[in-house]
Amino acid sequence: MHGVKKNLKGIKMNLYEIDRMIAAELAKIFDMAEQSETGEIPSYFDAVLDAMRMERDKKIGNIGRYIINTRAEAEACKAEAEKFTNRRRALETRVDRLLAYMDASLRGEKWKDDCVTVSYYTSHAVEVLDESKVPDEYWKIERSIKLKDINNEITAANQDFEWAKIVERKSIQVK
């Protein structure tokens, strides 16, 4: 018993180690119960298991709080990223407007001073005049599975398809 309390109080254990210790102690209890004539378990095992369960509950609570804090930090990062994205787009729009403003004034003429050089280059781009006349080989078709529609049809038919079925999943939620 002293070894267990020392491990619980003096050494930081992860949840896996705590669960493993609880399982080991329960195995000891069952072995002792099977070996004793009366099937009784020594009373100190209650205290040992209670201490282990308290340590486990404390660890789970701490992990839950850590998840909540980390999720909040991720949301804050996401909000900051959105602010930076909006700021970047605004700056890119400003650059595009200034380029158009300068181009309207220069009208293709090169310009240069000590810090800035303005020049023009020729590029090529395709402009489609009539999409209905574009051959199929030039179309890019993206395929994706409509999982929601399949789910609705399987649920309505109350029967799986040969190529798809509904599977139940467990998801952990921390609030």
N, C-alpha and C. Protein backbone atom coordinates (compact mmCIF):
# COMPACT_ATOMS: atom_id res chain seq x y z
N MET A 1 0.82 -1.19 0.00
CA MET A 1 0.00 0.00 0.00
C MET A 1 0.86 1.25 0.00
N HIS A 2 1.94 1.26 0.76
CA HIS A 2 2.79 2.45 0.80
C HIS A 2 3.40 2.73 -0.56
N GLY A 3 3.76 1.67 -1.29
CA GLY A 3 4.35 1.85 -2.62
C GLY A 3 3.37 2.53 -3.57
N VAL A 4 2.10 2.18 -3.48
CA VAL A 4 1.09 2.77 -4.35
C VAL A 4 0.92 4.24 -4.03
N LYS A 5 0.78 4.58 -2.75
CA LYS A 5 0.61 5.98 -2.38
C LYS A 5 1.84 6.79 -2.77
N LYS A 6 3.02 6.21 -2.62
CA LYS A 6 4.24 6.92 -3.00
C LYS A 6 4.22 7.21 -4.50
N ASN A 7 3.81 6.21 -5.29
CA ASN A 7 3.74 6.41 -6.74
C ASN A 7 2.71 7.48 -7.09
N LEU A 8 1.58 7.47 -6.40
CA LEU A 8 0.53 8.43 -6.72
C LEU A 8 0.90 9.84 -6.28
N LYS A 9 1.54 9.97 -5.15
CA LYS A 9 1.84 11.30 -4.62
C LYS A 9 3.17 11.86 -5.10
N GLY A 10 4.18 10.99 -5.23
CA GLY A 10 5.52 11.49 -5.48
C GLY A 10 5.93 11.53 -6.95
N ILE A 11 5.28 10.75 -7.80
CA ILE A 11 5.69 10.67 -9.19
C ILE A 11 4.51 11.06 -10.07
N LYS A 12 4.79 11.88 -11.07
CA LYS A 12 3.74 12.24 -12.01
C LYS A 12 3.57 11.10 -13.00
N MET A 13 2.34 10.63 -13.10
CA MET A 13 2.04 9.53 -14.02
C MET A 13 1.06 10.02 -15.07
N ASN A 14 1.12 9.39 -16.24
CA ASN A 14 0.14 9.73 -17.25
C ASN A 14 -1.11 8.87 -17.06
N LEU A 15 -2.15 9.19 -17.78
CA LEU A 15 -3.43 8.51 -17.61
C LEU A 15 -3.31 7.02 -17.90
N TYR A 16 -2.55 6.67 -18.90
CA TYR A 16 -2.35 5.26 -19.23
C TYR A 16 -1.73 4.51 -18.05
N GLU A 17 -0.73 5.11 -17.42
CA GLU A 17 -0.06 4.45 -16.29
C GLU A 17 -1.02 4.31 -15.11
N ILE A 18 -1.83 5.33 -14.87
CA ILE A 18 -2.80 5.26 -13.77
C ILE A 18 -3.82 4.15 -14.04
N ASP A 19 -4.35 4.09 -15.27
CA ASP A 19 -5.31 3.04 -15.62
C ASP A 19 -4.68 1.66 -15.48
N ARG A 20 -3.42 1.55 -15.90
CA ARG A 20 -2.72 0.28 -15.79
C ARG A 20 -2.55 -0.12 -14.32
N MET A 21 -2.24 0.85 -13.45
CA MET A 21 -2.09 0.55 -12.02
C MET A 21 -3.42 0.10 -11.42
N ILE A 22 -4.51 0.78 -11.80
CA ILE A 22 -5.83 0.40 -11.29
C ILE A 22 -6.14 -1.03 -11.71
N ALA A 23 -5.90 -1.36 -12.98
CA ALA A 23 -6.15 -2.71 -13.48
C ALA A 23 -5.31 -3.74 -12.72
N ALA A 24 -4.05 -3.40 -12.46
CA ALA A 24 -3.17 -4.32 -11.73
C ALA A 24 -3.67 -4.53 -10.31
N GLU A 25 -4.09 -3.45 -9.65
CA GLU A 25 -4.60 -3.58 -8.28
C GLU A 25 -5.89 -4.39 -8.25
N LEU A 26 -6.77 -4.17 -9.24
CA LEU A 26 -8.00 -4.96 -9.31
C LEU A 26 -7.68 -6.43 -9.53
N ALA A 27 -6.68 -6.72 -10.35
CA ALA A 27 -6.28 -8.12 -10.57
C ALA A 27 -5.78 -8.73 -9.26
N LYS A 28 -5.01 -7.95 -8.49
CA LYS A 28 -4.54 -8.44 -7.18
C LYS A 28 -5.72 -8.73 -6.27
N ILE A 29 -6.69 -7.83 -6.26
CA ILE A 29 -7.87 -8.01 -5.40
C ILE A 29 -8.61 -9.28 -5.78
N PHE A 30 -8.84 -9.49 -7.09
CA PHE A 30 -9.56 -10.69 -7.52
C PHE A 30 -8.77 -11.96 -7.19
N ASP A 31 -7.45 -11.91 -7.35
CA ASP A 31 -6.62 -13.06 -6.99
C ASP A 31 -6.72 -13.36 -5.50
N MET A 32 -6.65 -12.30 -4.68
CA MET A 32 -6.74 -12.51 -3.23
C MET A 32 -8.11 -13.04 -2.83
N ALA A 33 -9.15 -12.55 -3.49
CA ALA A 33 -10.50 -13.01 -3.18
C ALA A 33 -10.66 -14.48 -3.55
N GLU A 34 -10.09 -14.88 -4.68
CA GLU A 34 -10.17 -16.28 -5.10
C GLU A 34 -9.39 -17.20 -4.16
N GLN A 35 -8.26 -16.69 -3.65
CA GLN A 35 -7.41 -17.52 -2.81
C GLN A 35 -7.90 -17.59 -1.36
N SER A 36 -8.64 -16.58 -0.93
CA SER A 36 -9.11 -16.62 0.46
C SER A 36 -10.33 -17.54 0.56
N GLU A 37 -10.50 -18.12 1.71
CA GLU A 37 -11.61 -19.05 1.92
C GLU A 37 -12.94 -18.31 1.99
N THR A 38 -12.92 -17.11 2.53
CA THR A 38 -14.17 -16.37 2.71
C THR A 38 -14.47 -15.45 1.53
N GLY A 39 -13.50 -15.22 0.67
CA GLY A 39 -13.69 -14.31 -0.47
C GLY A 39 -13.58 -12.85 -0.08
N GLU A 40 -13.13 -12.62 1.17
CA GLU A 40 -13.01 -11.24 1.62
C GLU A 40 -11.74 -10.60 1.07
N ILE A 41 -11.82 -9.29 0.95
CA ILE A 41 -10.71 -8.50 0.44
C ILE A 41 -10.21 -7.63 1.58
N PRO A 42 -8.90 -7.52 1.76
CA PRO A 42 -8.38 -6.66 2.83
C PRO A 42 -8.91 -5.23 2.69
N SER A 43 -9.23 -4.61 3.79
CA SER A 43 -9.87 -3.29 3.78
C SER A 43 -8.98 -2.20 3.19
N TYR A 44 -7.67 -2.36 3.29
CA TYR A 44 -6.81 -1.30 2.77
C TYR A 44 -6.90 -1.15 1.25
N PHE A 45 -7.42 -2.17 0.55
CA PHE A 45 -7.55 -2.06 -0.91
C PHE A 45 -8.56 -0.99 -1.30
N ASP A 46 -9.58 -0.77 -0.47
CA ASP A 46 -10.54 0.31 -0.75
C ASP A 46 -9.83 1.65 -0.80
N ALA A 47 -8.96 1.88 0.17
CA ALA A 47 -8.23 3.15 0.22
C ALA A 47 -7.29 3.28 -0.98
N VAL A 48 -6.65 2.18 -1.34
CA VAL A 48 -5.73 2.20 -2.48
C VAL A 48 -6.49 2.53 -3.76
N LEU A 49 -7.61 1.83 -3.98
CA LEU A 49 -8.39 2.08 -5.19
C LEU A 49 -8.97 3.49 -5.20
N ASP A 50 -9.43 3.95 -4.05
CA ASP A 50 -9.96 5.32 -3.97
C ASP A 50 -8.88 6.34 -4.33
N ALA A 51 -7.67 6.13 -3.81
CA ALA A 51 -6.56 7.05 -4.12
C ALA A 51 -6.25 7.03 -5.61
N MET A 52 -6.25 5.85 -6.20
CA MET A 52 -5.97 5.74 -7.63
C MET A 52 -7.08 6.39 -8.46
N ARG A 53 -8.33 6.16 -8.07
CA ARG A 53 -9.45 6.76 -8.81
C ARG A 53 -9.43 8.28 -8.68
N MET A 54 -9.08 8.78 -7.50
CA MET A 54 -8.98 10.23 -7.32
C MET A 54 -7.88 10.80 -8.21
N GLU A 55 -6.76 10.11 -8.28
CA GLU A 55 -5.65 10.55 -9.13
C GLU A 55 -6.08 10.52 -10.60
N ARG A 56 -6.81 9.47 -10.97
CA ARG A 56 -7.31 9.35 -12.35
C ARG A 56 -8.28 10.48 -12.66
N ASP A 57 -9.23 10.74 -11.75
CA ASP A 57 -10.20 11.82 -11.95
C ASP A 57 -9.49 13.17 -12.06
N LYS A 58 -8.49 13.38 -11.22
CA LYS A 58 -7.72 14.63 -11.26
C LYS A 58 -7.02 14.77 -12.61
N LYS A 59 -6.41 13.69 -13.08
CA LYS A 59 -5.70 13.71 -14.37
C LYS A 59 -6.68 13.98 -15.52
N ILE A 60 -7.83 13.32 -15.52
CA ILE A 60 -8.84 13.53 -16.57
C ILE A 60 -9.33 14.97 -16.53
N GLY A 61 -9.58 15.50 -15.34
CA GLY A 61 -10.00 16.89 -15.21
C GLY A 61 -8.96 17.85 -15.76
N ASN A 62 -7.70 17.60 -15.45
CA ASN A 62 -6.61 18.46 -15.96
C ASN A 62 -6.50 18.37 -17.48
N ILE A 63 -6.64 17.17 -18.01
CA ILE A 63 -6.59 17.01 -19.46
C ILE A 63 -7.76 17.75 -20.10
N GLY A 64 -8.94 17.64 -19.50
CA GLY A 64 -10.12 18.35 -20.02
C GLY A 64 -9.91 19.86 -20.01
N ARG A 65 -9.37 20.39 -18.92
CA ARG A 65 -9.09 21.83 -18.86
C ARG A 65 -8.04 22.24 -19.90
N TYR A 66 -7.05 21.39 -20.09
CA TYR A 66 -6.02 21.67 -21.08
C TYR A 66 -6.63 21.69 -22.49
N ILE A 67 -7.54 20.76 -22.76
CA ILE A 67 -8.23 20.74 -24.06
C ILE A 67 -9.02 22.02 -24.26
N ILE A 68 -9.77 22.45 -23.25
CA ILE A 68 -10.57 23.67 -23.35
C ILE A 68 -9.67 24.88 -23.62
N ASN A 69 -8.57 24.99 -22.89
CA ASN A 69 -7.64 26.11 -23.10
C ASN A 69 -6.99 26.06 -24.48
N THR A 70 -6.59 24.88 -24.90
CA THR A 70 -5.95 24.74 -26.21
C THR A 70 -6.93 25.06 -27.33
N ARG A 71 -8.18 24.62 -27.17
CA ARG A 71 -9.21 24.93 -28.16
C ARG A 71 -9.42 26.45 -28.24
N ALA A 72 -9.45 27.12 -27.08
CA ALA A 72 -9.62 28.57 -27.05
C ALA A 72 -8.44 29.26 -27.74
N GLU A 73 -7.24 28.76 -27.49
CA GLU A 73 -6.05 29.33 -28.13
C GLU A 73 -6.10 29.13 -29.64
N ALA A 74 -6.56 27.95 -30.08
CA ALA A 74 -6.69 27.68 -31.52
C ALA A 74 -7.71 28.62 -32.15
N GLU A 75 -8.82 28.87 -31.45
CA GLU A 75 -9.83 29.80 -31.96
C GLU A 75 -9.26 31.21 -32.04
N ALA A 76 -8.48 31.60 -31.06
CA ALA A 76 -7.85 32.93 -31.08
C ALA A 76 -6.88 33.03 -32.26
N CYS A 77 -6.12 31.98 -32.50
CA CYS A 77 -5.21 31.96 -33.65
C CYS A 77 -5.99 32.05 -34.96
N LYS A 78 -7.10 31.34 -35.02
CA LYS A 78 -7.95 31.37 -36.21
C LYS A 78 -8.47 32.79 -36.45
N ALA A 79 -8.92 33.46 -35.38
CA ALA A 79 -9.42 34.82 -35.51
C ALA A 79 -8.30 35.76 -35.98
N GLU A 80 -7.10 35.59 -35.42
CA GLU A 80 -5.97 36.41 -35.84
C GLU A 80 -5.62 36.13 -37.30
N ALA A 81 -5.67 34.86 -37.69
CA ALA A 81 -5.38 34.50 -39.08
C ALA A 81 -6.39 35.16 -40.02
N GLU A 82 -7.66 35.17 -39.61
CA GLU A 82 -8.68 35.83 -40.43
C GLU A 82 -8.42 37.33 -40.54
N LYS A 83 -7.98 37.94 -39.43
CA LYS A 83 -7.64 39.37 -39.47
C LYS A 83 -6.49 39.61 -40.43
N PHE A 84 -5.44 38.75 -40.34
CA PHE A 84 -4.30 38.90 -41.24
C PHE A 84 -4.70 38.66 -42.69
N THR A 85 -5.56 37.69 -42.92
CA THR A 85 -6.04 37.42 -44.28
C THR A 85 -6.79 38.62 -44.83
N ASN A 86 -7.67 39.19 -44.01
CA ASN A 86 -8.41 40.38 -44.44
C ASN A 86 -7.47 41.54 -44.70
N ARG A 87 -6.49 41.70 -43.84
CA ARG A 87 -5.51 42.79 -44.01
C ARG A 87 -4.70 42.58 -45.29
N ARG A 88 -4.26 41.32 -45.54
CA ARG A 88 -3.51 41.01 -46.75
C ARG A 88 -4.35 41.32 -47.99
N ARG A 89 -5.62 40.91 -47.98
CA ARG A 89 -6.49 41.18 -49.14
C ARG A 89 -6.66 42.67 -49.37
N ALA A 90 -6.82 43.43 -48.29
CA ALA A 90 -6.98 44.88 -48.42
C ALA A 90 -5.71 45.49 -49.03
N LEU A 91 -4.55 45.03 -48.58
CA LEU A 91 -3.29 45.55 -49.12
C LEU A 91 -3.12 45.16 -50.59
N GLU A 92 -3.48 43.93 -50.93
CA GLU A 92 -3.39 43.51 -52.33
C GLU A 92 -4.32 44.33 -53.21
N THR A 93 -5.51 44.62 -52.72
CA THR A 93 -6.46 45.45 -53.46
C THR A 93 -5.90 46.85 -53.65
N ARG A 94 -5.28 47.39 -52.62
CA ARG A 94 -4.67 48.72 -52.71
C ARG A 94 -3.57 48.73 -53.77
N VAL A 95 -2.73 47.68 -53.78
CA VAL A 95 -1.66 47.58 -54.78
C VAL A 95 -2.27 47.53 -56.18
N ASP A 96 -3.30 46.72 -56.37
CA ASP A 96 -3.94 46.62 -57.69
C ASP A 96 -4.50 47.97 -58.14
N ARG A 97 -5.15 48.70 -57.23
CA ARG A 97 -5.69 50.02 -57.58
C ARG A 97 -4.57 51.01 -57.93
N LEU A 98 -3.48 50.98 -57.15
CA LEU A 98 -2.36 51.88 -57.42
C LEU A 98 -1.69 51.54 -58.75
N LEU A 99 -1.57 50.24 -59.06
CA LEU A 99 -1.01 49.84 -60.35
C LEU A 99 -1.87 50.34 -61.50
N ALA A 100 -3.19 50.19 -61.36
CA ALA A 100 -4.11 50.67 -62.40
C ALA A 100 -4.02 52.19 -62.54
N TYR A 101 -3.91 52.88 -61.43
CA TYR A 101 -3.80 54.34 -61.42
C TYR A 101 -2.52 54.78 -62.14
N MET A 102 -1.40 54.10 -61.82
CA MET A 102 -0.12 54.43 -62.45
C MET A 102 -0.16 54.09 -63.94
N ASP A 103 -0.74 52.92 -64.28
CA ASP A 103 -0.82 52.49 -65.67
C ASP A 103 -1.65 53.47 -66.51
N ALA A 104 -2.73 54.00 -65.92
CA ALA A 104 -3.56 54.98 -66.63
C ALA A 104 -2.75 56.22 -66.97
N SER A 105 -1.80 56.56 -66.12
CA SER A 105 -0.98 57.74 -66.37
C SER A 105 0.17 57.44 -67.34
N LEU A 106 0.82 56.29 -67.17
CA LEU A 106 1.99 55.98 -68.00
C LEU A 106 1.61 55.46 -69.40
N ARG A 107 0.48 54.78 -69.52
CA ARG A 107 -0.01 54.23 -70.80
C ARG A 107 1.07 53.43 -71.55
N GLY A 108 1.74 52.52 -70.83
CA GLY A 108 2.72 51.64 -71.47
C GLY A 108 4.13 52.20 -71.53
N GLU A 109 4.33 53.41 -71.09
CA GLU A 109 5.65 54.06 -71.12
C GLU A 109 6.49 53.57 -69.93
N LYS A 110 7.77 53.27 -70.18
CA LYS A 110 8.67 52.88 -69.10
C LYS A 110 9.02 54.11 -68.27
N TRP A 111 9.33 53.85 -66.98
CA TRP A 111 9.68 54.97 -66.08
C TRP A 111 10.68 54.45 -65.07
N LYS A 112 11.64 55.33 -64.65
CA LYS A 112 12.66 54.89 -63.71
C LYS A 112 13.20 56.08 -62.94
N ASP A 113 13.49 55.83 -61.64
CA ASP A 113 14.28 56.78 -60.84
C ASP A 113 15.25 55.96 -60.00
N ASP A 114 15.81 56.56 -58.94
CA ASP A 114 16.82 55.86 -58.14
C ASP A 114 16.28 54.62 -57.42
N CYS A 115 15.01 54.64 -57.04
CA CYS A 115 14.44 53.55 -56.23
C CYS A 115 13.46 52.67 -57.00
N VAL A 116 12.80 53.21 -57.98
CA VAL A 116 11.69 52.51 -58.62
C VAL A 116 11.93 52.41 -60.12
N THR A 117 11.61 51.23 -60.65
CA THR A 117 11.64 51.02 -62.09
C THR A 117 10.27 50.48 -62.51
N VAL A 118 9.63 51.15 -63.45
CA VAL A 118 8.35 50.68 -63.98
C VAL A 118 8.58 50.26 -65.41
N SER A 119 8.25 48.99 -65.69
CA SER A 119 8.40 48.48 -67.06
C SER A 119 7.17 47.63 -67.38
N TYR A 120 7.02 47.30 -68.61
CA TYR A 120 5.89 46.49 -69.06
C TYR A 120 6.42 45.23 -69.72
N TYR A 121 5.68 44.14 -69.59
CA TYR A 121 6.03 42.91 -70.27
C TYR A 121 4.78 42.36 -70.93
N THR A 122 4.97 41.55 -71.94
CA THR A 122 3.86 40.97 -72.67
C THR A 122 3.58 39.57 -72.14
N SER A 123 2.32 39.27 -71.92
CA SER A 123 1.92 37.93 -71.48
C SER A 123 0.74 37.49 -72.34
N HIS A 124 0.43 36.23 -72.27
CA HIS A 124 -0.67 35.68 -73.07
C HIS A 124 -1.65 34.99 -72.14
N ALA A 125 -2.92 35.12 -72.45
CA ALA A 125 -3.97 34.46 -71.69
C ALA A 125 -5.07 34.05 -72.66
N VAL A 126 -5.81 33.02 -72.31
CA VAL A 126 -6.92 32.55 -73.14
C VAL A 126 -8.19 33.23 -72.67
N GLU A 127 -8.93 33.75 -73.61
CA GLU A 127 -10.24 34.33 -73.32
C GLU A 127 -11.27 33.49 -74.05
N VAL A 128 -12.14 32.82 -73.32
CA VAL A 128 -13.16 31.96 -73.93
C VAL A 128 -14.33 32.84 -74.36
N LEU A 129 -14.68 32.75 -75.62
CA LEU A 129 -15.74 33.59 -76.17
C LEU A 129 -17.11 32.94 -76.04
N ASP A 130 -17.17 31.59 -76.18
CA ASP A 130 -18.45 30.88 -76.09
C ASP A 130 -18.20 29.53 -75.43
N GLU A 131 -18.55 29.37 -74.17
CA GLU A 131 -18.30 28.13 -73.42
C GLU A 131 -19.02 26.94 -74.01
N SER A 132 -20.15 27.15 -74.64
CA SER A 132 -20.92 26.03 -75.19
C SER A 132 -20.20 25.36 -76.36
N LYS A 133 -19.24 26.01 -76.96
CA LYS A 133 -18.51 25.45 -78.10
C LYS A 133 -17.16 24.83 -77.69
N VAL A 134 -16.83 24.89 -76.40
CA VAL A 134 -15.56 24.31 -75.93
C VAL A 134 -15.71 22.79 -75.90
N PRO A 135 -14.80 22.04 -76.59
CA PRO A 135 -14.89 20.57 -76.60
C PRO A 135 -14.71 20.00 -75.18
N ASP A 136 -15.29 18.82 -74.97
CA ASP A 136 -15.25 18.15 -73.66
C ASP A 136 -13.84 17.93 -73.15
N GLU A 137 -12.89 17.70 -74.02
CA GLU A 137 -11.52 17.40 -73.60
C GLU A 137 -10.86 18.57 -72.87
N TYR A 138 -11.42 19.77 -73.02
CA TYR A 138 -10.84 20.94 -72.37
C TYR A 138 -11.56 21.31 -71.06
N TRP A 139 -12.55 20.54 -70.69
CA TRP A 139 -13.27 20.79 -69.44
C TRP A 139 -12.64 19.97 -68.34
N LYS A 140 -12.55 20.56 -67.16
CA LYS A 140 -12.07 19.86 -65.98
C LYS A 140 -13.30 19.55 -65.13
N ILE A 141 -13.51 18.28 -64.89
CA ILE A 141 -14.68 17.87 -64.12
C ILE A 141 -14.20 17.35 -62.77
N GLU A 142 -14.71 17.94 -61.71
CA GLU A 142 -14.35 17.51 -60.37
C GLU A 142 -15.47 16.63 -59.83
N ARG A 143 -15.09 15.48 -59.28
CA ARG A 143 -16.07 14.57 -58.71
C ARG A 143 -15.90 14.52 -57.20
N SER A 144 -17.03 14.46 -56.52
CA SER A 144 -17.00 14.25 -55.08
C SER A 144 -18.24 13.45 -54.70
N ILE A 145 -18.10 12.67 -53.67
CA ILE A 145 -19.21 11.83 -53.22
C ILE A 145 -20.12 12.67 -52.33
N LYS A 146 -21.41 12.58 -52.59
CA LYS A 146 -22.41 13.32 -51.81
C LYS A 146 -22.82 12.45 -50.62
N LEU A 147 -22.00 12.47 -49.56
CA LEU A 147 -22.22 11.61 -48.40
C LEU A 147 -23.55 11.89 -47.72
N LYS A 148 -23.94 13.14 -47.66
CA LYS A 148 -25.20 13.49 -47.00
C LYS A 148 -26.39 12.89 -47.75
N ASP A 149 -26.37 12.94 -49.08
CA ASP A 149 -27.44 12.35 -49.88
C ASP A 149 -27.50 10.83 -49.70
N ILE A 150 -26.33 10.19 -49.68
CA ILE A 150 -26.28 8.74 -49.47
C ILE A 150 -26.83 8.40 -48.09
N ASN A 151 -26.43 9.17 -47.08
CA ASN A 151 -26.93 8.95 -45.72
C ASN A 151 -28.45 9.04 -45.69
N ASN A 152 -29.01 10.07 -46.32
CA ASN A 152 -30.46 10.26 -46.34
C ASN A 152 -31.16 9.09 -47.03
N GLU A 153 -30.63 8.62 -48.15
CA GLU A 153 -31.27 7.53 -48.88
C GLU A 153 -31.20 6.21 -48.12
N ILE A 154 -30.03 5.92 -47.51
CA ILE A 154 -29.90 4.69 -46.72
C ILE A 154 -30.85 4.74 -45.53
N THR A 155 -30.92 5.89 -44.88
CA THR A 155 -31.80 6.04 -43.72
C THR A 155 -33.26 5.89 -44.13
N ALA A 156 -33.65 6.50 -45.25
CA ALA A 156 -35.03 6.41 -45.73
C ALA A 156 -35.40 4.98 -46.10
N ALA A 157 -34.46 4.27 -46.76
CA ALA A 157 -34.72 2.90 -47.18
C ALA A 157 -34.57 1.91 -46.03
N ASN A 158 -33.96 2.36 -44.94
CA ASN A 158 -33.69 1.51 -43.78
C ASN A 158 -32.92 0.25 -44.18
N GLN A 159 -32.00 0.44 -45.12
CA GLN A 159 -31.23 -0.68 -45.64
C GLN A 159 -29.95 -0.14 -46.25
N ASP A 160 -28.82 -0.83 -46.00
CA ASP A 160 -27.54 -0.42 -46.57
C ASP A 160 -27.51 -0.71 -48.07
N PHE A 161 -26.67 0.04 -48.78
CA PHE A 161 -26.42 -0.26 -50.18
C PHE A 161 -25.31 -1.30 -50.23
N GLU A 162 -25.14 -1.95 -51.37
CA GLU A 162 -24.06 -2.93 -51.48
C GLU A 162 -22.70 -2.23 -51.46
N TRP A 163 -22.64 -0.97 -51.82
CA TRP A 163 -21.40 -0.21 -51.92
C TRP A 163 -21.24 0.85 -50.82
N ALA A 164 -22.23 0.94 -49.92
CA ALA A 164 -22.14 1.92 -48.83
C ALA A 164 -23.02 1.47 -47.69
N LYS A 165 -22.62 1.84 -46.46
CA LYS A 165 -23.42 1.52 -45.29
C LYS A 165 -23.24 2.61 -44.25
N ILE A 166 -24.17 2.70 -43.32
CA ILE A 166 -24.07 3.64 -42.21
C ILE A 166 -23.24 2.97 -41.11
N VAL A 167 -22.25 3.68 -40.60
CA VAL A 167 -21.45 3.18 -39.49
C VAL A 167 -21.61 4.14 -38.32
N GLU A 168 -21.66 3.59 -37.14
CA GLU A 168 -21.78 4.41 -35.94
C GLU A 168 -20.40 4.68 -35.39
N ARG A 169 -20.17 5.94 -35.07
CA ARG A 169 -18.88 6.33 -34.52
C ARG A 169 -19.09 7.06 -33.21
N LYS A 170 -18.13 6.95 -32.32
CA LYS A 170 -18.15 7.67 -31.06
C LYS A 170 -17.17 8.82 -31.17
N SER A 171 -17.61 9.98 -30.79
CA SER A 171 -16.73 11.15 -30.79
C SER A 171 -16.69 11.71 -29.37
N ILE A 172 -15.53 12.06 -28.94
CA ILE A 172 -15.37 12.63 -27.59
C ILE A 172 -15.63 14.12 -27.66
N GLN A 173 -16.29 14.64 -26.64
CA GLN A 173 -16.60 16.06 -26.58
C GLN A 173 -16.19 16.59 -25.22
N VAL A 174 -15.51 17.70 -25.21
CA VAL A 174 -15.08 18.34 -23.96
C VAL A 174 -15.60 19.76 -23.96
N LYS A 175 -16.30 20.14 -22.90
CA LYS A 175 -16.83 21.50 -22.80
C LYS A 175 -16.33 22.13 -21.53
